[in-house]
Protein backbone atom coordinates (compact mmCIF):
# COMPACT_ATOMS: atom_id res chain seq x y z
CA MET A 1 -0.05 -0.20 0.15
CA ASP A 2 1.89 3.63 -1.09
CA SER A 3 1.37 6.67 0.71
CA ASP A 4 -1.72 8.50 -0.63
CA GLU A 5 -3.68 4.83 0.07
CA GLU A 6 -2.47 5.17 3.92
CA LEU A 7 -3.84 8.87 3.76
CA LEU A 8 -7.19 7.53 1.90
CA GLU A 9 -7.88 5.05 4.57
CA GLU A 10 -6.84 7.48 7.28
CA LEU A 11 -9.54 9.44 6.62
CA GLU A 12 -12.46 8.01 5.51
CA ALA A 13 -11.33 5.96 9.32
CA ALA A 14 -11.58 9.81 10.71
CA LYS A 15 -14.40 10.14 9.20
CA ARG A 16 -15.99 7.60 11.18
CA GLY A 17 -14.61 8.19 14.77
CA GLU A 18 -12.45 5.98 15.39
CA CYS A 19 -9.38 8.45 14.87
CA PRO A 20 -8.26 11.83 14.93
CA PRO A 21 -7.81 13.16 11.33
CA PRO A 22 -4.23 12.81 10.28
CA PHE A 23 -2.69 16.82 9.68
CA GLY A 24 -3.12 17.11 14.10
CA THR A 25 -5.46 19.31 14.14
CA TYR A 26 -9.51 18.10 15.60
CA GLU A 27 -12.70 20.61 14.62
CA PHE A 28 -16.01 20.46 15.69
CA GLN A 29 -19.57 23.31 17.08
CA ILE A 30 -21.39 22.57 19.99
CA PRO A 31 -24.44 24.01 18.76
CA GLY A 32 -26.74 27.15 21.31
CA SER A 33 -24.77 29.10 24.07
CA PRO A 34 -22.62 28.55 26.54
CA VAL A 35 -23.54 27.79 30.21
CA SER A 36 -21.25 30.41 33.72
CA VAL A 37 -19.69 27.97 36.32
CA GLN A 38 -22.67 29.36 38.40
CA ALA A 39 -24.78 28.10 36.86
CA LYS A 40 -27.84 25.31 38.26
CA ARG A 41 -26.63 22.19 38.27
CA ALA A 42 -29.08 21.06 35.93
CA ALA A 43 -28.09 23.78 33.40
CA ARG A 44 -24.27 22.82 33.44
CA ASP A 45 -26.09 18.79 33.08
CA GLU A 46 -27.81 19.71 30.12
CA TYR A 47 -24.43 21.44 28.76
CA GLU A 48 -22.42 18.46 29.23
CA GLN A 49 -24.73 16.60 27.61
CA ARG A 50 -24.67 18.74 25.02
CA VAL A 51 -21.33 19.17 23.60
CA ARG A 52 -20.26 15.06 24.22
CA ASN A 53 -23.74 14.70 22.00
CA SER A 54 -21.33 16.85 19.97
CA TYR A 55 -18.29 14.52 19.62
CA LYS A 56 -20.84 11.15 20.24
CA GLY A 57 -19.58 8.04 18.29
CA ASN A 58 -15.62 8.96 18.33
CA LYS A 59 -14.11 5.86 19.83
CA PHE A 60 -10.34 7.82 20.90
CA ILE A 61 -8.72 9.75 23.51
CA PHE A 62 -5.58 12.63 23.69
CA ILE A 63 -2.75 11.84 25.53
CA GLY A 64 -0.44 13.90 24.82
CA ASP A 65 -0.43 17.90 25.59
CA ILE A 66 -2.77 20.26 23.15
CA HIS A 67 -4.17 23.88 22.60
CA ILE A 68 -7.71 24.40 22.65
CA GLU A 69 -9.18 27.95 20.32
CA PHE A 70 -13.64 28.51 21.40
CA ARG A 71 -15.19 30.71 19.11
CA TRP A 72 -17.88 31.20 20.32
CA TRP A 73 -20.62 32.16 17.92
CA ILE A 74 -23.01 35.31 19.46
CA SER A 75 -25.54 38.56 18.20
CA ALA A 76 -23.34 41.11 18.70
CA LYS A 77 -26.72 42.42 20.20
CA SER A 78 -27.01 40.26 22.33
CA ARG A 79 -23.58 41.23 23.62
CA TYR A 80 -23.35 44.31 24.14
CA GLU A 81 -26.67 45.19 25.08
CA THR A 82 -28.00 41.77 27.15
CA ASP A 83 -26.76 40.20 29.98
CA ALA A 84 -28.05 37.27 29.28
CA SER A 85 -24.90 35.66 27.95
CA ALA A 86 -22.41 34.61 29.93
CA ASP A 87 -19.22 35.84 31.02
CA ILE A 88 -16.07 34.08 28.77
CA ASP A 89 -13.80 33.15 31.28
CA ASN A 90 -17.19 31.43 33.35
CA ALA A 91 -18.37 29.70 30.54
CA LEU A 92 -14.47 27.85 30.02
CA LYS A 93 -14.38 25.02 32.87
CA PRO A 94 -17.94 24.38 32.45
CA THR A 95 -17.06 23.58 28.50
CA ILE A 96 -13.88 22.26 29.11
CA ASP A 97 -14.73 19.55 31.70
CA ALA A 98 -17.67 18.74 29.17
CA LEU A 99 -14.26 17.15 27.31
CA THR A 100 -11.85 15.39 29.76
CA GLY A 101 -12.84 12.52 31.29
CA PRO A 102 -13.20 8.43 30.63
CA ASP A 103 -16.70 10.09 27.94
CA GLY A 104 -14.50 12.75 26.63
CA LEU A 105 -11.70 13.84 23.86
CA PHE A 106 -8.82 14.11 26.34
CA ILE A 107 -7.95 13.14 29.60
CA ASP A 108 -7.61 15.53 32.48
CA ASP A 109 -6.82 19.87 32.06
CA CYS A 110 -3.77 19.11 32.67
CA GLN A 111 -3.23 18.64 28.88
CA VAL A 112 -4.03 21.76 28.52
CA ARG A 113 -1.36 23.58 27.28
CA GLY A 114 -2.65 26.79 24.92
CA LEU A 115 -5.78 27.80 25.03
CA ASN A 116 -7.33 31.04 22.97
CA VAL A 117 -11.14 31.70 23.40
CA ALA A 118 -13.46 34.79 21.70
CA TRP A 119 -16.17 35.77 20.47
CA SER A 120 -17.28 36.79 17.05
CA HIS A 121 -21.02 38.14 15.78
CA SER A 122 -23.30 35.16 14.40
CA ASN A 123 -24.64 37.45 11.19
CA SER A 124 -27.72 35.16 11.33
CA GLY A 125 -28.39 35.09 15.13
CA LYS A 126 -27.64 31.38 15.14
CA GLU A 127 -25.35 31.15 18.00
CA HIS A 128 -22.88 28.24 18.53
CA ILE A 129 -19.11 27.34 19.31
CA SER A 130 -16.36 25.92 17.38
CA VAL A 131 -13.78 24.58 18.83
CA ARG A 132 -10.29 23.11 17.16
CA ILE A 133 -7.92 21.33 19.17
CA ASP A 134 -4.38 20.64 17.64
CA PHE A 135 -2.86 18.04 19.10
CA THR A 136 0.74 15.49 17.81
CA PRO A 137 0.12 13.10 15.13
CA GLY A 138 -0.42 9.85 17.11
CA ASP A 139 -0.63 11.34 20.72
CA TRP A 140 -3.90 9.79 20.34
CA HIS A 141 -5.71 5.59 21.94
CA PRO A 142 -8.97 4.05 20.98
CA ILE A 143 -10.76 4.24 24.27
CA ASP A 144 -12.18 0.93 24.89
CA ASP A 145 -7.75 -0.37 24.60
CA VAL A 146 -6.58 1.73 27.22
CA VAL A 147 -5.74 1.32 30.65
CA PHE A 148 -3.31 2.86 32.50
CA ILE A 149 -0.10 1.88 34.77
CA ASN A 150 0.38 3.09 38.01
CA LEU A 151 4.98 2.68 38.16
CA GLY A 152 4.68 4.00 41.42
CA ASN A 153 4.79 7.75 43.55
CA GLY A 154 1.41 8.46 42.04
CA LEU A 155 2.53 8.07 38.10
CA CYS A 156 -0.26 6.44 35.97
CA VAL A 157 1.01 5.53 31.63
CA PRO A 158 -1.49 5.14 29.07
CA SER A 159 -1.54 1.96 27.34
CA PRO A 160 -2.84 -0.59 24.84
CA LYS A 161 -4.85 -3.41 27.06
CA ASN A 162 -5.53 -5.37 24.00
CA ILE A 163 -2.79 -6.75 23.01
CA PRO A 164 -0.58 -10.24 23.84
CA GLN A 165 0.63 -10.97 27.19
CA ASP A 166 4.33 -10.75 26.09
CA ALA A 167 3.59 -7.69 24.22
CA ARG A 168 2.65 -6.67 27.94
CA LYS A 169 5.78 -7.79 29.89
CA THR A 170 7.84 -6.26 27.25
CA TRP A 171 6.22 -3.14 27.09
CA CYS A 172 6.14 -2.94 31.61
CA LYS A 173 10.59 -3.59 31.28
CA ILE A 174 10.45 -0.62 29.09
CA LEU A 175 8.19 1.79 31.64
CA ASN A 176 10.00 0.56 34.06
CA ASP A 177 13.96 0.66 33.09
CA ARG A 178 12.99 3.72 31.68
CA THR A 179 10.71 5.68 34.65
CA ASP A 180 14.30 4.81 36.55
CA MET A 181 16.42 6.00 33.96
CA LYS A 182 15.02 9.11 34.40
CA GLU A 183 15.11 9.15 37.99
CA LYS A 184 18.95 8.68 37.89
CA ILE A 185 19.22 11.44 35.63
CA LEU A 186 17.38 14.50 38.43
CA SER A 187 18.78 13.18 40.79
CA LEU A 188 22.29 13.81 39.44
CA GLY A 189 20.64 17.66 38.47
CA GLY A 190 19.64 16.90 34.53
CA SER A 191 16.26 19.14 34.00
CA TYR A 192 13.10 17.38 34.38
CA PRO A 193 11.77 18.45 30.53
CA TRP A 194 14.69 17.03 29.28
CA ALA A 195 15.12 13.90 31.42
CA SER A 196 11.44 12.92 30.49
CA THR A 197 12.35 12.48 26.73
CA LEU A 198 14.01 9.48 27.64
CA LEU A 199 11.22 7.90 28.14
CA LEU A 200 9.85 8.27 24.93
CA CYS A 201 6.36 7.02 25.65
CA PRO A 202 3.28 8.27 26.70
CA ARG A 203 3.18 10.94 28.75
CA PRO A 204 2.14 10.71 32.48
CA PHE A 205 -0.46 11.63 34.95
CA HIS A 206 -0.73 11.59 38.16
CA ARG A 207 -3.48 9.73 39.59
CA THR A 208 -5.33 12.23 40.87
CA ARG A 209 -5.92 12.85 37.17
CA VAL A 210 -7.37 9.40 35.67
CA ASN A 211 -10.02 8.90 38.00
CA GLY A 212 -13.16 6.96 36.59
CA PHE A 213 -10.29 4.77 34.09
CA ALA A 214 -8.86 1.55 34.48
CA VAL A 215 -5.47 1.81 36.28
CA VAL A 216 -3.54 -1.22 37.15
CA SER A 217 -0.33 -2.40 38.82
CA SER A 218 2.99 -3.61 36.71
CA ASP A 219 1.84 -6.71 37.97
CA GLU A 220 -1.47 -7.12 37.52
CA TYR A 221 -0.79 -5.68 33.66
CA VAL A 222 1.37 -8.95 32.60
CA ALA A 223 -0.50 -10.94 34.40
């Protein structure tokens, strides 16, 4: 199979929601207006479901660092002359919360390296939010094939679960060996960003940031 055929297959898989687009940008729209973090619980729950419905059917989750852009399309008259719409800063948390976790597009908001937020005038008056997520191609995982290995010290690494036992053993050994190497470099005064590059594997997450996901020990992973 040549590169053009592979690209076409990736694009078709992205249309089916099996993977994100291969070029490192994922875009979608949330219908309606956002809610404020101060809104009543029922309103926040409705908004969270509306956000999740906007990317419903996707079968992947981003596991690396990302940059997000939110653009809220709203009538300028409504924005300037009424107090009906939420403040942009107050609408951020409910929106990001709806994008995280086992039912979300990424694991935790600690993955967000950059955030751009703006509003623009909607000529039609119909409100919606355009969302753009920029990611490193390859930094994603099928959501039904991810498990977190707890390497100790509260650090968990996303890993594939549907692979043969021998492959799991090899993967686990690589993670543990490179984690030990990283700690050795740090103990000798090396910088964290440089030492972390030695892992050559998905970035780790603290245990408190992967609630709701399957978390296992190294021994449980290879059993």
